[in-house]
Amino acid sequence: MNGAILELILANAAFVGTHFAMSHTLRAAMMAKLGNIGFQIAYSAVSLATLAWVYFAFVDAPPADLPGTGQIGWAVATVLVVPALVLHVGSLMGNPAMPTPKAEKQARAEPTGVFKVTRHPMMWGFAIWALSHIVLLWSVRTTITAISIAILALVGAKLQDAKKRDQLGDAWAQWESRTTFWPRFGALLGAGALPWALGLIFFVFFSWLHLPISGIPAGIWRWF
């Protein structure tokens, strides 16, 4: 195995593994020892350090070393990114999974917007975004990192359910009973005008930004 690829695997494993450990297994012990602010500082420092490792390992790994899926792959990836961004943007509007004072009240409310699709729209947004890169079959480094992001998102979503049951009790149980883990994509069209408008704006902007950042045209800019 190429040394750079092995380092990238280790970097992604460190990023995903420390995230799970600090968010779940070690959270209580770290909170007790460091306090809330200290925990947030430590969490952020470890996350940034491991993410930086992923970045530098990614840069060192060989680019575009897979055969690719051509224009069909790019078309599929482009179509996938749009709902991913709609879900992600919509997840910022009234999400009871967010650590806010309104979380319990929001969990007892009737699901609206992207929460009609899934109770984990942000996580599924990341997972679908990851899938959009996997289908391109562009490079080993892209595939490894995208799979890691998908694992972090979807396993993290499952673990989040357990954590929120402990934190919000009956309120989260009600939220689970009215929502679904697996997306109901048929409900996406009814997610609301604002998530769709912002999602499409971000899609145009970020796909345009793809070229100056990576040197690869993406989204609609690949054809225009």
C-alpha atoms as a PDB file:
ATOM      1  CA  MET A   1       0.000   0.000   0.000  1.00  0.00           C
ATOM      2  CA  ASN A   2       1.190   3.498  -0.852  1.00  0.00           C
ATOM      3  CA  GLY A   3       2.570   5.207   2.270  1.00  0.00           C
ATOM      4  CA  ALA A   4       0.570   8.366   1.625  1.00  0.00           C
ATOM      5  CA  ILE A   5      -2.664   6.372   1.326  1.00  0.00           C
ATOM      6  CA  LEU A   6      -1.919   4.534   4.571  1.00  0.00           C
ATOM      7  CA  GLU A   7      -1.347   7.847   6.329  1.00  0.00           C
ATOM      8  CA  LEU A   8      -4.635   9.164   4.928  1.00  0.00           C
ATOM      9  CA  ILE A   9      -6.467   6.100   6.275  1.00  0.00           C
ATOM     10  CA  LEU A  10      -4.877   6.630   9.695  1.00  0.00           C
ATOM     11  CA  ALA A  11      -5.715  10.337   9.644  1.00  0.00           C
ATOM     12  CA  ASN A  12      -9.367   9.703   8.771  1.00  0.00           C
ATOM     13  CA  ALA A  13      -9.575   6.971  11.413  1.00  0.00           C
ATOM     14  CA  ALA A  14      -8.173   9.396  13.990  1.00  0.00           C
ATOM     15  CA  PHE A  15     -10.630  12.133  12.995  1.00  0.00           C
ATOM     16  CA  VAL A  16     -13.668   9.847  13.074  1.00  0.00           C
ATOM     17  CA  GLY A  17     -12.547   7.835  16.109  1.00  0.00           C
ATOM     18  CA  THR A  18     -11.727  10.802  18.330  1.00  0.00           C
ATOM     19  CA  HIS A  19     -14.997  12.448  17.349  1.00  0.00           C
ATOM     20  CA  PHE A  20     -16.998   9.412  18.434  1.00  0.00           C
ATOM     21  CA  ALA A  21     -14.938   8.978  21.611  1.00  0.00           C
ATOM     22  CA  MET A  22     -15.251  12.608  22.725  1.00  0.00           C
ATOM     23  CA  SER A  23     -18.921  12.873  21.755  1.00  0.00           C
ATOM     24  CA  HIS A  24     -19.946   9.663  23.520  1.00  0.00           C
ATOM     25  CA  THR A  25     -17.549   7.284  25.323  1.00  0.00           C
ATOM     26  CA  LEU A  26     -15.280   9.885  26.933  1.00  0.00           C
ATOM     27  CA  ARG A  27     -17.683  12.821  27.078  1.00  0.00           C
ATOM     28  CA  ALA A  28     -18.863  12.417  30.679  1.00  0.00           C
ATOM     29  CA  ALA A  29     -15.355  11.864  32.047  1.00  0.00           C
ATOM     30  CA  MET A  30     -13.945  14.814  30.095  1.00  0.00           C
ATOM     31  CA  MET A  31     -16.791  17.071  31.192  1.00  0.00           C
ATOM     32  CA  ALA A  32     -16.271  16.089  34.835  1.00  0.00           C
ATOM     33  CA  LYS A  33     -12.529  16.763  34.670  1.00  0.00           C
ATOM     34  CA  LEU A  34     -12.417  19.796  32.375  1.00  0.00           C
ATOM     35  CA  GLY A  35     -15.800  21.441  32.858  1.00  0.00           C
ATOM     36  CA  ASN A  36     -18.003  22.578  29.978  1.00  0.00           C
ATOM     37  CA  ILE A  37     -15.679  25.286  28.632  1.00  0.00           C
ATOM     38  CA  GLY A  38     -12.579  23.133  29.041  1.00  0.00           C
ATOM     39  CA  PHE A  39     -14.315  20.251  27.281  1.00  0.00           C
ATOM     40  CA  GLN A  40     -15.299  22.499  24.366  1.00  0.00           C
ATOM     41  CA  ILE A  41     -11.719  23.752  24.048  1.00  0.00           C
ATOM     42  CA  ALA A  42     -10.275  20.234  24.155  1.00  0.00           C
ATOM     43  CA  TYR A  43     -12.904  18.922  21.733  1.00  0.00           C
ATOM     44  CA  SER A  44     -12.225  21.725  19.269  1.00  0.00           C
ATOM     45  CA  ALA A  45      -8.442  21.373  19.545  1.00  0.00           C
ATOM     46  CA  VAL A  46      -8.470  17.614  18.901  1.00  0.00           C
ATOM     47  CA  SER A  47     -10.998  17.953  16.078  1.00  0.00           C
ATOM     48  CA  LEU A  48      -8.997  20.696  14.349  1.00  0.00           C
ATOM     49  CA  ALA A  49      -5.716  18.827  14.790  1.00  0.00           C
ATOM     50  CA  THR A  50      -7.039  15.565  13.330  1.00  0.00           C
ATOM     51  CA  LEU A  51      -8.864  17.426  10.538  1.00  0.00           C
ATOM     52  CA  ALA A  52      -5.609  19.201   9.665  1.00  0.00           C
ATOM     53  CA  TRP A  53      -3.908  15.794   9.545  1.00  0.00           C
ATOM     54  CA  VAL A  54      -6.603  14.591   7.125  1.00  0.00           C
ATOM     55  CA  TYR A  55      -6.073  17.668   4.959  1.00  0.00           C
ATOM     56  CA  PHE A  56      -2.287  17.352   4.699  1.00  0.00           C
ATOM     57  CA  ALA A  57      -2.468  13.575   4.177  1.00  0.00           C
ATOM     58  CA  PHE A  58      -5.094  14.136   1.475  1.00  0.00           C
ATOM     59  CA  VAL A  59      -2.875  16.665  -0.309  1.00  0.00           C
ATOM     60  CA  ASP A  60       0.070  14.238  -0.224  1.00  0.00           C
ATOM     61  CA  ALA A  61      -1.951  11.310  -1.629  1.00  0.00           C
ATOM     62  CA  PRO A  62      -2.104  10.693  -5.416  1.00  0.00           C
ATOM     63  CA  PRO A  63      -4.874  12.670  -7.161  1.00  0.00           C
ATOM     64  CA  ALA A  64      -7.152  11.310  -9.900  1.00  0.00           C
ATOM     65  CA  ASP A  65      -5.753   7.765  -9.786  1.00  0.00           C
ATOM     66  CA  LEU A  66      -9.042   5.948 -10.476  1.00  0.00           C
ATOM     67  CA  PRO A  67     -10.734   5.561 -13.892  1.00  0.00           C
ATOM     68  CA  GLY A  68     -13.681   7.831 -13.106  1.00  0.00           C
ATOM     69  CA  THR A  69     -17.292   7.534 -14.197  1.00  0.00           C
ATOM     70  CA  GLY A  70     -17.227  10.263 -16.833  1.00  0.00           C
ATOM     71  CA  GLN A  71     -20.008  12.705 -17.575  1.00  0.00           C
ATOM     72  CA  ILE A  72     -22.660  10.333 -16.211  1.00  0.00           C
ATOM     73  CA  GLY A  73     -20.871  10.258 -12.885  1.00  0.00           C
ATOM     74  CA  TRP A  74     -20.628  14.038 -12.799  1.00  0.00           C
ATOM     75  CA  ALA A  75     -24.336  14.355 -13.624  1.00  0.00           C
ATOM     76  CA  VAL A  76     -25.272  11.947 -10.801  1.00  0.00           C
ATOM     77  CA  ALA A  77     -22.958  13.737  -8.368  1.00  0.00           C
ATOM     78  CA  THR A  78     -24.436  17.104  -9.302  1.00  0.00           C
ATOM     79  CA  VAL A  79     -27.984  15.871  -8.758  1.00  0.00           C
ATOM     80  CA  LEU A  80     -27.031  14.410  -5.359  1.00  0.00           C
ATOM     81  CA  VAL A  81     -25.421  17.594  -4.054  1.00  0.00           C
ATOM     82  CA  VAL A  82     -28.616  19.656  -4.396  1.00  0.00           C
ATOM     83  CA  PRO A  83     -30.759  17.692  -1.869  1.00  0.00           C
ATOM     84  CA  ALA A  84     -27.691  17.329   0.356  1.00  0.00           C
ATOM     85  CA  LEU A  85     -27.450  21.114   0.653  1.00  0.00           C
ATOM     86  CA  VAL A  86     -31.210  21.556   1.055  1.00  0.00           C
ATOM     87  CA  LEU A  87     -31.164  19.076   3.952  1.00  0.00           C
ATOM     88  CA  HIS A  88     -28.109  20.701   5.496  1.00  0.00           C
ATOM     89  CA  VAL A  89     -29.486  24.240   5.327  1.00  0.00           C
ATOM     90  CA  GLY A  90     -32.905  23.145   6.554  1.00  0.00           C
ATOM     91  CA  SER A  91     -31.342  21.367   9.529  1.00  0.00           C
ATOM     92  CA  LEU A  92     -30.373  24.757  10.971  1.00  0.00           C
ATOM     93  CA  MET A  93     -34.029  25.755  11.328  1.00  0.00           C
ATOM     94  CA  GLY A  94     -35.679  24.490  14.513  1.00  0.00           C
ATOM     95  CA  ASN A  95     -33.508  21.430  15.061  1.00  0.00           C
ATOM     96  CA  PRO A  96     -34.057  19.836  18.515  1.00  0.00           C
ATOM     97  CA  ALA A  97     -30.743  18.002  18.160  1.00  0.00           C
ATOM     98  CA  MET A  98     -28.966  21.337  18.557  1.00  0.00           C
ATOM     99  CA  PRO A  99     -27.802  22.161  22.118  1.00  0.00           C
ATOM    100  CA  THR A 100     -30.176  25.074  22.690  1.00  0.00           C
ATOM    101  CA  PRO A 101     -32.646  25.953  25.490  1.00  0.00           C
ATOM    102  CA  LYS A 102     -35.480  25.425  22.976  1.00  0.00           C
ATOM    103  CA  ALA A 103     -34.492  21.820  22.193  1.00  0.00           C
ATOM    104  CA  GLU A 104     -37.116  20.127  24.381  1.00  0.00           C
ATOM    105  CA  LYS A 105     -39.915  22.361  23.106  1.00  0.00           C
ATOM    106  CA  GLN A 106     -38.821  21.779  19.503  1.00  0.00           C
ATOM    107  CA  ALA A 107     -38.736  18.006  20.070  1.00  0.00           C
ATOM    108  CA  ARG A 108     -42.362  18.074  21.234  1.00  0.00           C
ATOM    109  CA  ALA A 109     -43.485  20.092  18.203  1.00  0.00           C
ATOM    110  CA  GLU A 110     -44.820  18.687  14.954  1.00  0.00           C
ATOM    111  CA  PRO A 111     -42.006  18.097  12.414  1.00  0.00           C
ATOM    112  CA  THR A 112     -41.830  20.673   9.644  1.00  0.00           C
ATOM    113  CA  GLY A 113     -39.520  21.413   6.730  1.00  0.00           C
ATOM    114  CA  VAL A 114     -36.666  18.960   6.199  1.00  0.00           C
ATOM    115  CA  PHE A 115     -37.590  17.137   9.419  1.00  0.00           C
ATOM    116  CA  LYS A 116     -40.467  15.609   7.479  1.00  0.00           C
ATOM    117  CA  VAL A 117     -37.748  13.896   5.458  1.00  0.00           C
ATOM    118  CA  THR A 118     -35.561  12.700   8.353  1.00  0.00           C
ATOM    119  CA  ARG A 119     -34.831  13.712  11.930  1.00  0.00           C
ATOM    120  CA  HIS A 120     -31.127  13.872  10.989  1.00  0.00           C
ATOM    121  CA  PRO A 121     -31.101  16.162   7.926  1.00  0.00           C
ATOM    122  CA  MET A 122     -27.631  17.564   8.635  1.00  0.00           C
ATOM    123  CA  MET A 123     -26.097  14.102   8.985  1.00  0.00           C
ATOM    124  CA  TRP A 124     -27.815  12.822   5.853  1.00  0.00           C
ATOM    125  CA  GLY A 125     -26.715  15.979   4.033  1.00  0.00           C
ATOM    126  CA  PHE A 126     -23.095  15.093   4.810  1.00  0.00           C
ATOM    127  CA  ALA A 127     -23.659  11.445   3.861  1.00  0.00           C
ATOM    128  CA  ILE A 128     -25.252  12.286   0.496  1.00  0.00           C
ATOM    129  CA  TRP A 129     -22.491  14.811  -0.184  1.00  0.00           C
ATOM    130  CA  ALA A 130     -19.972  12.039   0.519  1.00  0.00           C
ATOM    131  CA  LEU A 131     -21.840   9.690  -1.835  1.00  0.00           C
ATOM    132  CA  SER A 132     -21.701  12.325  -4.576  1.00  0.00           C
ATOM    133  CA  HIS A 133     -17.906  12.134  -4.417  1.00  0.00           C
ATOM    134  CA  ILE A 134     -17.753   8.352  -4.180  1.00  0.00           C
ATOM    135  CA  VAL A 135     -19.779   7.847  -7.381  1.00  0.00           C
ATOM    136  CA  LEU A 136     -17.239   9.895  -9.323  1.00  0.00           C
ATOM    137  CA  LEU A 137     -14.637   7.154  -8.770  1.00  0.00           C
ATOM    138  CA  TRP A 138     -12.135   9.988  -9.077  1.00  0.00           C
ATOM    139  CA  SER A 139      -9.332   8.959  -6.708  1.00  0.00           C
ATOM    140  CA  VAL A 140      -8.509   6.631  -3.832  1.00  0.00           C
ATOM    141  CA  ARG A 141      -7.926   9.619  -1.545  1.00  0.00           C
ATOM    142  CA  THR A 142     -11.361  11.089  -2.322  1.00  0.00           C
ATOM    143  CA  THR A 143     -13.079   7.739  -1.827  1.00  0.00           C
ATOM    144  CA  ILE A 144     -11.380   7.075   1.532  1.00  0.00           C
ATOM    145  CA  THR A 145     -12.201  10.510   2.887  1.00  0.00           C
ATOM    146  CA  ALA A 146     -15.781  10.458   1.591  1.00  0.00           C
ATOM    147  CA  ILE A 147     -16.437   7.032   3.143  1.00  0.00           C
ATOM    148  CA  SER A 148     -15.058   8.331   6.447  1.00  0.00           C
ATOM    149  CA  ILE A 149     -17.392  11.330   6.340  1.00  0.00           C
ATOM    150  CA  ALA A 150     -20.371   9.075   5.574  1.00  0.00           C
ATOM    151  CA  ILE A 151     -19.511   6.793   8.503  1.00  0.00           C
ATOM    152  CA  LEU A 152     -19.070   9.763  10.818  1.00  0.00           C
ATOM    153  CA  ALA A 153     -22.431  11.189   9.728  1.00  0.00           C
ATOM    154  CA  LEU A 154     -24.626   8.088   9.797  1.00  0.00           C
ATOM    155  CA  VAL A 155     -23.109   6.243  12.751  1.00  0.00           C
ATOM    156  CA  GLY A 156     -23.000   9.587  14.531  1.00  0.00           C
ATOM    157  CA  ALA A 157     -26.706  10.063  13.838  1.00  0.00           C
ATOM    158  CA  LYS A 158     -27.521   6.693  15.407  1.00  0.00           C
ATOM    159  CA  LEU A 159     -25.395   7.469  18.445  1.00  0.00           C
ATOM    160  CA  GLN A 160     -26.985  10.902  18.673  1.00  0.00           C
ATOM    161  CA  ASP A 161     -30.414   9.309  19.075  1.00  0.00           C
ATOM    162  CA  ALA A 162     -29.213   7.407  22.142  1.00  0.00           C
ATOM    163  CA  LYS A 163     -27.565  10.498  23.615  1.00  0.00           C
ATOM    164  CA  LYS A 164     -30.627  12.678  23.056  1.00  0.00           C
ATOM    165  CA  ARG A 165     -32.873  10.096  24.718  1.00  0.00           C
ATOM    166  CA  ASP A 166     -30.745  10.475  27.834  1.00  0.00           C
ATOM    167  CA  GLN A 167     -30.732  14.273  27.608  1.00  0.00           C
ATOM    168  CA  LEU A 168     -34.332  15.013  26.563  1.00  0.00           C
ATOM    169  CA  GLY A 169     -36.130  11.875  27.720  1.00  0.00           C
ATOM    170  CA  ASP A 170     -39.780  11.719  26.709  1.00  0.00           C
ATOM    171  CA  ALA A 171     -39.465  14.766  24.443  1.00  0.00           C
ATOM    172  CA  TRP A 172     -36.949  12.992  22.218  1.00  0.00           C
ATOM    173  CA  ALA A 173     -39.019   9.788  22.317  1.00  0.00           C
ATOM    174  CA  GLN A 174     -41.951  11.817  20.939  1.00  0.00           C
ATOM    175  CA  TRP A 175     -39.683  13.292  18.266  1.00  0.00           C
ATOM    176  CA  GLU A 176     -38.492   9.827  17.245  1.00  0.00           C
ATOM    177  CA  SER A 177     -42.071   8.571  17.016  1.00  0.00           C
ATOM    178  CA  ARG A 178     -42.993  11.382  14.588  1.00  0.00           C
ATOM    179  CA  THR A 179     -39.839  11.305  12.475  1.00  0.00           C
ATOM    180  CA  THR A 180     -37.669   8.724  10.759  1.00  0.00           C
ATOM    181  CA  PHE A 181     -33.975   7.922  10.674  1.00  0.00           C
ATOM    182  CA  TRP A 182     -34.021   6.834   7.030  1.00  0.00           C
ATOM    183  CA  PRO A 183     -34.910   9.687   4.639  1.00  0.00           C
ATOM    184  CA  ARG A 184     -38.300   9.853   2.982  1.00  0.00           C
ATOM    185  CA  PHE A 185     -37.127  11.671  -0.108  1.00  0.00           C
ATOM    186  CA  GLY A 186     -40.659  12.045  -1.388  1.00  0.00           C
ATOM    187  CA  ALA A 187     -41.190  14.618   1.357  1.00  0.00           C
ATOM    188  CA  LEU A 188     -38.227  16.705   0.224  1.00  0.00           C
ATOM    189  CA  LEU A 189     -40.254  18.756  -2.247  1.00  0.00           C
ATOM    190  CA  GLY A 190     -42.422  19.912   0.651  1.00  0.00           C
ATOM    191  CA  ALA A 191     -39.451  20.957   2.780  1.00  0.00           C
ATOM    192  CA  GLY A 192     -40.276  24.624   2.270  1.00  0.00           C
ATOM    193  CA  ALA A 193     -39.277  27.516   0.042  1.00  0.00           C
ATOM    194  CA  LEU A 194     -36.490  28.852   2.286  1.00  0.00           C
ATOM    195  CA  PRO A 195     -34.443  25.628   2.563  1.00  0.00           C
ATOM    196  CA  TRP A 196     -34.765  25.115  -1.184  1.00  0.00           C
ATOM    197  CA  ALA A 197     -33.858  28.711  -2.039  1.00  0.00           C
ATOM    198  CA  LEU A 198     -30.827  28.763   0.252  1.00  0.00           C
ATOM    199  CA  GLY A 199     -29.818  25.251  -0.777  1.00  0.00           C
ATOM    200  CA  LEU A 200     -29.822  26.216  -4.458  1.00  0.00           C
ATOM    201  CA  ILE A 201     -27.898  29.435  -3.756  1.00  0.00           C
ATOM    202  CA  PHE A 202     -25.264  27.498  -1.824  1.00  0.00           C
ATOM    203  CA  PHE A 203     -25.164  24.878  -4.570  1.00  0.00           C
ATOM    204  CA  VAL A 204     -24.357  27.485  -7.219  1.00  0.00           C
ATOM    205  CA  PHE A 205     -21.796  29.210  -4.999  1.00  0.00           C
ATOM    206  CA  PHE A 206     -19.968  26.165  -3.643  1.00  0.00           C
ATOM    207  CA  SER A 207     -19.872  24.392  -6.994  1.00  0.00           C
ATOM    208  CA  TRP A 208     -18.358  27.573  -8.467  1.00  0.00           C
ATOM    209  CA  LEU A 209     -15.838  27.654  -5.588  1.00  0.00           C
ATOM    210  CA  HIS A 210     -14.846  24.066  -6.363  1.00  0.00           C
ATOM    211  CA  LEU A 211     -12.683  25.134  -9.315  1.00  0.00           C
ATOM    212  CA  PRO A 212     -10.475  27.747  -7.587  1.00  0.00           C
ATOM    213  CA  ILE A 213     -10.063  25.507  -4.530  1.00  0.00           C
ATOM    214  CA  SER A 214      -9.419  22.130  -6.171  1.00  0.00           C
ATOM    215  CA  GLY A 215      -8.729  22.981  -9.799  1.00  0.00           C
ATOM    216  CA  ILE A 216     -11.674  20.793 -10.857  1.00  0.00           C
ATOM    217  CA  PRO A 217     -14.898  22.312 -12.286  1.00  0.00           C
ATOM    218  CA  ALA A 218     -17.991  20.885 -10.596  1.00  0.00           C
ATOM    219  CA  GLY A 219     -21.757  21.205 -10.634  1.00  0.00           C
ATOM    220  CA  ILE A 220     -23.301  23.298 -13.385  1.00  0.00           C
ATOM    221  CA  TRP A 221     -19.921  24.969 -13.943  1.00  0.00           C
ATOM    222  CA  ARG A 222     -18.619  21.741 -15.436  1.00  0.00           C
ATOM    223  CA  TRP A 223     -20.816  22.319 -18.464  1.00  0.00           C
ATOM    224  CA  PHE A 224     -21.082  26.133 -18.582  1.00  0.00           C
END
